């Protein structure tokens, strides 16, 4: 079983070149799948979910 690489919101926002606030909006709107760590913790995003989001965005714009 291969372990998934999980990224913090700050890392993911940097990769996508968006603000952390906008990334959290995308997560709340279920445009990017993520899970929340603990009650007050931040979100964790699987690295492959970033690729999925970019692919969907490109296909939608084409």
PDB file of N, CA and C in Angstrom:
ATOM      1  N   UNK A   1       0.843  -1.185   0.000  1.00  0.00           N
ATOM      2  CA  UNK A   1       0.000   0.000   0.000  1.00  0.00           C
ATOM      3  C   UNK A   1       0.886   1.247   0.000  1.00  0.00           C
ATOM      4  N   UNK A   2       0.647   2.113  -0.936  1.00  0.00           N
ATOM      5  CA  UNK A   2       1.459   3.319  -1.068  1.00  0.00           C
ATOM      6  C   UNK A   2       0.892   4.442  -0.203  1.00  0.00           C
ATOM      7  N   UNK A   3       1.765   5.079   0.563  1.00  0.00           N
ATOM      8  CA  UNK A   3       1.324   6.180   1.423  1.00  0.00           C
ATOM      9  C   UNK A   3       1.083   7.424   0.564  1.00  0.00           C
ATOM     10  N   UNK A   4       0.002   8.120   0.860  1.00  0.00           N
ATOM     11  CA  UNK A   4      -0.308   9.353   0.137  1.00  0.00           C
ATOM     12  C   UNK A   4       0.441  10.506   0.780  1.00  0.00           C
ATOM     13  N   UNK A   5       0.955  11.384  -0.050  1.00  0.00           N
ATOM     14  CA  UNK A   5       1.610  12.586   0.452  1.00  0.00           C
ATOM     15  C   UNK A   5       0.530  13.614   0.740  1.00  0.00           C
ATOM     16  N   UNK A   6       0.505  14.081   1.982  1.00  0.00           N
ATOM     17  CA  UNK A   6      -0.478  15.084   2.388  1.00  0.00           C
ATOM     18  C   UNK A   6       0.207  16.431   2.552  1.00  0.00           C
ATOM     19  N   UNK A   7      -0.431  17.456   2.054  1.00  0.00           N
ATOM     20  CA  UNK A   7       0.123  18.805   2.100  1.00  0.00           C
ATOM     21  C   UNK A   7      -0.737  19.708   2.968  1.00  0.00           C
ATOM     22  N   UNK A   8      -0.105  20.699   3.553  1.00  0.00           N
ATOM     23  CA  UNK A   8      -0.812  21.713   4.328  1.00  0.00           C
ATOM     24  C   UNK A   8      -1.438  22.729   3.373  1.00  0.00           C
ATOM     25  N   UNK A   9      -2.356  23.525   3.894  1.00  0.00           N
ATOM     26  CA  UNK A   9      -2.990  24.539   3.047  1.00  0.00           C
ATOM     27  C   UNK A   9      -1.960  25.537   2.519  1.00  0.00           C
ATOM     28  N   UNK A  10      -0.991  25.891   3.330  1.00  0.00           N
ATOM     29  CA  UNK A  10       0.027  26.852   2.898  1.00  0.00           C
ATOM     30  C   UNK A  10       0.826  26.297   1.721  1.00  0.00           C
ATOM     31  N   UNK A  11       1.211  25.022   1.802  1.00  0.00           N
ATOM     32  CA  UNK A  11       1.966  24.394   0.717  1.00  0.00           C
ATOM     33  C   UNK A  11       1.125  24.303  -0.553  1.00  0.00           C
ATOM     34  N   UNK A  12      -0.117  23.874  -0.394  1.00  0.00           N
ATOM     35  CA  UNK A  12      -1.009  23.710  -1.542  1.00  0.00           C
ATOM     36  C   UNK A  12      -1.304  25.054  -2.200  1.00  0.00           C
ATOM     37  N   UNK A  13      -1.553  26.070  -1.397  1.00  0.00           N
ATOM     38  CA  UNK A  13      -1.814  27.404  -1.940  1.00  0.00           C
ATOM     39  C   UNK A  13      -0.610  27.894  -2.744  1.00  0.00           C
ATOM     40  N   UNK A  14       0.589  27.616  -2.260  1.00  0.00           N
ATOM     41  CA  UNK A  14       1.795  28.000  -2.984  1.00  0.00           C
ATOM     42  C   UNK A  14       1.911  27.301  -4.327  1.00  0.00           C
ATOM     43  N   UNK A  15       1.591  26.024  -4.351  1.00  0.00           N
ATOM     44  CA  UNK A  15       1.654  25.257  -5.595  1.00  0.00           C
ATOM     45  C   UNK A  15       0.645  25.788  -6.605  1.00  0.00           C
ATOM     46  N   UNK A  16      -0.576  26.066  -6.140  1.00  0.00           N
ATOM     47  CA  UNK A  16      -1.638  26.543  -7.031  1.00  0.00           C
ATOM     48  C   UNK A  16      -1.559  28.045  -7.297  1.00  0.00           C
ATOM     49  N   UNK A  17      -0.699  28.737  -6.552  1.00  0.00           N
ATOM     50  CA  UNK A  17      -0.541  30.189  -6.664  1.00  0.00           C
ATOM     51  C   UNK A  17      -1.844  30.928  -6.386  1.00  0.00           C
ATOM     52  N   UNK A  18      -2.481  30.514  -5.283  1.00  0.00           N
ATOM     53  CA  UNK A  18      -3.684  31.185  -4.794  1.00  0.00           C
ATOM     54  C   UNK A  18      -3.470  31.481  -3.315  1.00  0.00           C
ATOM     55  N   UNK A  19      -4.318  32.311  -2.747  1.00  0.00           N
ATOM     56  CA  UNK A  19      -4.208  32.596  -1.316  1.00  0.00           C
ATOM     57  C   UNK A  19      -4.742  31.408  -0.517  1.00  0.00           C
ATOM     58  N   UNK A  20      -4.319  31.314   0.731  1.00  0.00           N
ATOM     59  CA  UNK A  20      -4.831  30.257   1.605  1.00  0.00           C
ATOM     60  C   UNK A  20      -6.333  30.418   1.811  1.00  0.00           C
ATOM     61  N   UNK A  21      -6.794  31.647   1.887  1.00  0.00           N
ATOM     62  CA  UNK A  21      -8.226  31.914   2.063  1.00  0.00           C
ATOM     63  C   UNK A  21      -9.025  31.372   0.874  1.00  0.00           C
ATOM     64  N   UNK A  22      -8.536  31.621  -0.346  1.00  0.00           N
ATOM     65  CA  UNK A  22      -9.225  31.123  -1.538  1.00  0.00           C
ATOM     66  C   UNK A  22      -9.188  29.596  -1.589  1.00  0.00           C
ATOM     67  N   UNK A  23      -8.070  29.006  -1.192  1.00  0.00           N
ATOM     68  CA  UNK A  23      -7.971  27.549  -1.153  1.00  0.00           C
ATOM     69  C   UNK A  23      -8.997  26.965  -0.189  1.00  0.00           C
ATOM     70  N   UNK A  24      -9.148  27.572   0.978  1.00  0.00           N
ATOM     71  CA  UNK A  24     -10.153  27.091   1.934  1.00  0.00           C
ATOM     72  C   UNK A  24     -11.567  27.228   1.355  1.00  0.00           C
ATOM     73  N   UNK A  25     -11.805  28.274   0.576  1.00  0.00           N
ATOM     74  CA  UNK A  25     -13.094  28.433  -0.100  1.00  0.00           C
ATOM     75  C   UNK A  25     -13.322  27.287  -1.091  1.00  0.00           C
ATOM     76  N   UNK A  26     -12.302  26.942  -1.862  1.00  0.00           N
ATOM     77  CA  UNK A  26     -12.409  25.823  -2.801  1.00  0.00           C
ATOM     78  C   UNK A  26     -12.701  24.520  -2.066  1.00  0.00           C
ATOM     79  N   UNK A  27     -12.091  24.343  -0.909  1.00  0.00           N
ATOM     80  CA  UNK A  27     -12.322  23.136  -0.109  1.00  0.00           C
ATOM     81  C   UNK A  27     -13.763  23.119   0.394  1.00  0.00           C
ATOM     82  N   UNK A  28     -14.236  24.242   0.925  1.00  0.00           N
ATOM     83  CA  UNK A  28     -15.615  24.305   1.429  1.00  0.00           C
ATOM     84  C   UNK A  28     -16.636  24.080   0.314  1.00  0.00           C
ATOM     85  N   UNK A  29     -16.318  24.537  -0.892  1.00  0.00           N
ATOM     86  CA  UNK A  29     -17.214  24.346  -2.041  1.00  0.00           C
ATOM     87  C   UNK A  29     -17.028  22.976  -2.689  1.00  0.00           C
ATOM     88  N   UNK A  30     -16.150  22.175  -2.111  1.00  0.00           N
ATOM     89  CA  UNK A  30     -15.869  20.801  -2.569  1.00  0.00           C
ATOM     90  C   UNK A  30     -15.294  20.751  -3.977  1.00  0.00           C
ATOM     91  N   UNK A  31     -14.522  21.767  -4.325  1.00  0.00           N
ATOM     92  CA  UNK A  31     -13.803  21.767  -5.597  1.00  0.00           C
ATOM     93  C   UNK A  31     -12.484  21.016  -5.447  1.00  0.00           C
ATOM     94  N   UNK A  32     -11.965  20.999  -4.226  1.00  0.00           N
ATOM     95  CA  UNK A  32     -10.749  20.258  -3.884  1.00  0.00           C
ATOM     96  C   UNK A  32     -11.066  19.423  -2.655  1.00  0.00           C
ATOM     97  N   UNK A  33     -10.777  18.138  -2.748  1.00  0.00           N
ATOM     98  CA  UNK A  33     -11.028  17.241  -1.617  1.00  0.00           C
ATOM     99  C   UNK A  33      -9.931  17.417  -0.569  1.00  0.00           C
ATOM    100  N   UNK A  34     -10.340  17.480   0.688  1.00  0.00           N
ATOM    101  CA  UNK A  34      -9.395  17.632   1.790  1.00  0.00           C
ATOM    102  C   UNK A  34     -10.035  17.076   3.047  1.00  0.00           C
ATOM    103  N   UNK A  35      -9.217  16.846   4.059  1.00  0.00           N
ATOM    104  CA  UNK A  35      -9.787  16.464   5.345  1.00  0.00           C
ATOM    105  C   UNK A  35      -9.216  17.366   6.419  1.00  0.00           C
ATOM    106  N   UNK A  36      -9.991  17.556   7.447  1.00  0.00           N
ATOM    107  CA  UNK A  36      -9.606  18.463   8.517  1.00  0.00           C
ATOM    108  C   UNK A  36      -8.939  17.670   9.630  1.00  0.00           C
ATOM    109  N   UNK A  37      -7.807  18.137  10.062  1.00  0.00           N
ATOM    110  CA  UNK A  37      -7.025  17.490  11.105  1.00  0.00           C
ATOM    111  C   UNK A  37      -7.492  17.999  12.462  1.00  0.00           C
ATOM    112  N   UNK A  38      -8.141  17.150  13.215  1.00  0.00           N
ATOM    113  CA  UNK A  38      -8.580  17.535  14.550  1.00  0.00           C
ATOM    114  C   UNK A  38      -9.693  18.562  14.522  1.00  0.00           C
ATOM    115  N   UNK A  39     -10.034  19.033  15.712  1.00  0.00           N
ATOM    116  CA  UNK A  39     -11.136  19.984  15.821  1.00  0.00           C
ATOM    117  C   UNK A  39     -10.757  21.388  15.349  1.00  0.00           C
ATOM    118  N   UNK A  40      -9.575  21.837  15.721  1.00  0.00           N
ATOM    119  CA  UNK A  40      -9.144  23.186  15.342  1.00  0.00           C
ATOM    120  C   UNK A  40      -7.989  23.173  14.352  1.00  0.00           C
ATOM    121  N   UNK A  41      -7.627  21.991  13.904  1.00  0.00           N
ATOM    122  CA  UNK A  41      -6.496  21.875  12.990  1.00  0.00           C
ATOM    123  C   UNK A  41      -6.819  22.356  11.592  1.00  0.00           C
ATOM    124  N   UNK A  42      -5.793  22.431  10.790  1.00  0.00           N
ATOM    125  CA  UNK A  42      -5.978  22.863   9.415  1.00  0.00           C
ATOM    126  C   UNK A  42      -6.334  21.706   8.507  1.00  0.00           C
ATOM    127  N   UNK A  43      -6.536  22.022   7.253  1.00  0.00           N
ATOM    128  CA  UNK A  43      -6.862  21.005   6.261  1.00  0.00           C
ATOM    129  C   UNK A  43      -5.592  20.318   5.780  1.00  0.00           C
ATOM    130  N   UNK A  44      -5.753  19.086   5.326  1.00  0.00           N
ATOM    131  CA  UNK A  44      -4.689  18.331   4.682  1.00  0.00           C
ATOM    132  C   UNK A  44      -5.215  17.931   3.307  1.00  0.00           C
ATOM    133  N   UNK A  45      -4.374  18.132   2.298  1.00  0.00           N
ATOM    134  CA  UNK A  45      -4.778  17.869   0.925  1.00  0.00           C
ATOM    135  C   UNK A  45      -3.812  16.848   0.333  1.00  0.00           C
ATOM    136  N   UNK A  46      -4.362  15.802  -0.280  1.00  0.00           N
ATOM    137  CA  UNK A  46      -3.532  14.788  -0.931  1.00  0.00           C
ATOM    138  C   UNK A  46      -2.903  15.399  -2.184  1.00  0.00           C
ATOM    139  N   UNK A  47      -1.634  15.074  -2.416  1.00  0.00           N
ATOM    140  CA  UNK A  47      -0.910  15.635  -3.557  1.00  0.00           C
ATOM    141  C   UNK A  47      -1.607  15.320  -4.877  1.00  0.00           C
ATOM    142  N   UNK A  48      -2.158  14.118  -5.007  1.00  0.00           N
ATOM    143  CA  UNK A  48      -2.829  13.772  -6.265  1.00  0.00           C
ATOM    144  C   UNK A  48      -4.113  14.573  -6.469  1.00  0.00           C
ATOM    145  N   UNK A  49      -4.702  15.096  -5.403  1.00  0.00           N
ATOM    146  CA  UNK A  49      -5.910  15.919  -5.537  1.00  0.00           C
ATOM    147  C   UNK A  49      -5.588  17.248  -6.221  1.00  0.00           C
ATOM    148  N   UNK A  50      -4.378  17.745  -6.040  1.00  0.00           N
ATOM    149  CA  UNK A  50      -3.956  18.974  -6.724  1.00  0.00           C
ATOM    150  C   UNK A  50      -3.939  18.727  -8.231  1.00  0.00           C
ATOM    151  N   UNK A  51      -3.363  17.583  -8.636  1.00  0.00           N
ATOM    152  CA  UNK A  51      -3.338  17.229 -10.057  1.00  0.00           C
ATOM    153  C   UNK A  51      -4.753  17.091 -10.611  1.00  0.00           C
ATOM    154  N   UNK A  52      -5.632  16.456  -9.847  1.00  0.00           N
ATOM    155  CA  UNK A  52      -7.027  16.284 -10.278  1.00  0.00           C
ATOM    156  C   UNK A  52      -7.704  17.636 -10.486  1.00  0.00           C
ATOM    157  N   UNK A  53      -7.492  18.567  -9.557  1.00  0.00           N
ATOM    158  CA  UNK A  53      -8.102  19.895  -9.653  1.00  0.00           C
ATOM    159  C   UNK A  53      -7.599  20.632 -10.898  1.00  0.00           C
ATOM    160  N   UNK A  54      -6.294  20.592 -11.125  1.00  0.00           N
ATOM    161  CA  UNK A  54      -5.715  21.279 -12.284  1.00  0.00           C
ATOM    162  C   UNK A  54      -6.260  20.681 -13.578  1.00  0.00           C
ATOM    163  N   UNK A  55      -6.346  19.363 -13.643  1.00  0.00           N
ATOM    164  CA  UNK A  55      -6.873  18.689 -14.835  1.00  0.00           C
ATOM    165  C   UNK A  55      -8.318  19.088 -15.097  1.00  0.00           C
ATOM    166  N   UNK A  56      -9.141  19.096 -14.054  1.00  0.00           N
ATOM    167  CA  UNK A  56     -10.544  19.498 -14.221  1.00  0.00           C
ATOM    168  C   UNK A  56     -10.638  20.945 -14.691  1.00  0.00           C
ATOM    169  N   UNK A  57      -9.808  21.806 -14.142  1.00  0.00           N
ATOM    170  CA  UNK A  57      -9.829  23.225 -14.501  1.00  0.00           C
ATOM    171  C   UNK A  57      -9.427  23.416 -15.966  1.00  0.00           C
ATOM    172  N   UNK A  58      -8.402  22.708 -16.410  1.00  0.00           N
ATOM    173  CA  UNK A  58      -7.955  22.805 -17.805  1.00  0.00           C
ATOM    174  C   UNK A  58      -9.041  22.301 -18.747  1.00  0.00           C
ATOM    175  N   UNK A  59      -9.642  21.164 -18.419  1.00  0.00           N
ATOM    176  CA  UNK A  59     -10.683  20.592 -19.278  1.00  0.00           C
ATOM    177  C   UNK A  59     -11.911  21.493 -19.360  1.00  0.00           C
ATOM    178  N   UNK A  60     -12.231  22.165 -18.268  1.00  0.00           N
ATOM    179  CA  UNK A  60     -13.388  23.059 -18.244  1.00  0.00           C
ATOM    180  C   UNK A  60     -13.138  24.290 -19.114  1.00  0.00           C
ATOM    181  N   UNK A  61     -11.888  24.745 -19.172  1.00  0.00           N
ATOM    182  CA  UNK A  61     -11.558  25.942 -19.942  1.00  0.00           C
ATOM    183  C   UNK A  61     -11.360  25.645 -21.421  1.00  0.00           C
ATOM    184  N   UNK A  62     -11.153  24.391 -21.770  1.00  0.00           N
ATOM    185  CA  UNK A  62     -10.881  24.020 -23.174  1.00  0.00           C
ATOM    186  C   UNK A  62     -12.139  24.038 -24.014  1.00  0.00           C
TER     187      UNK A  62
END
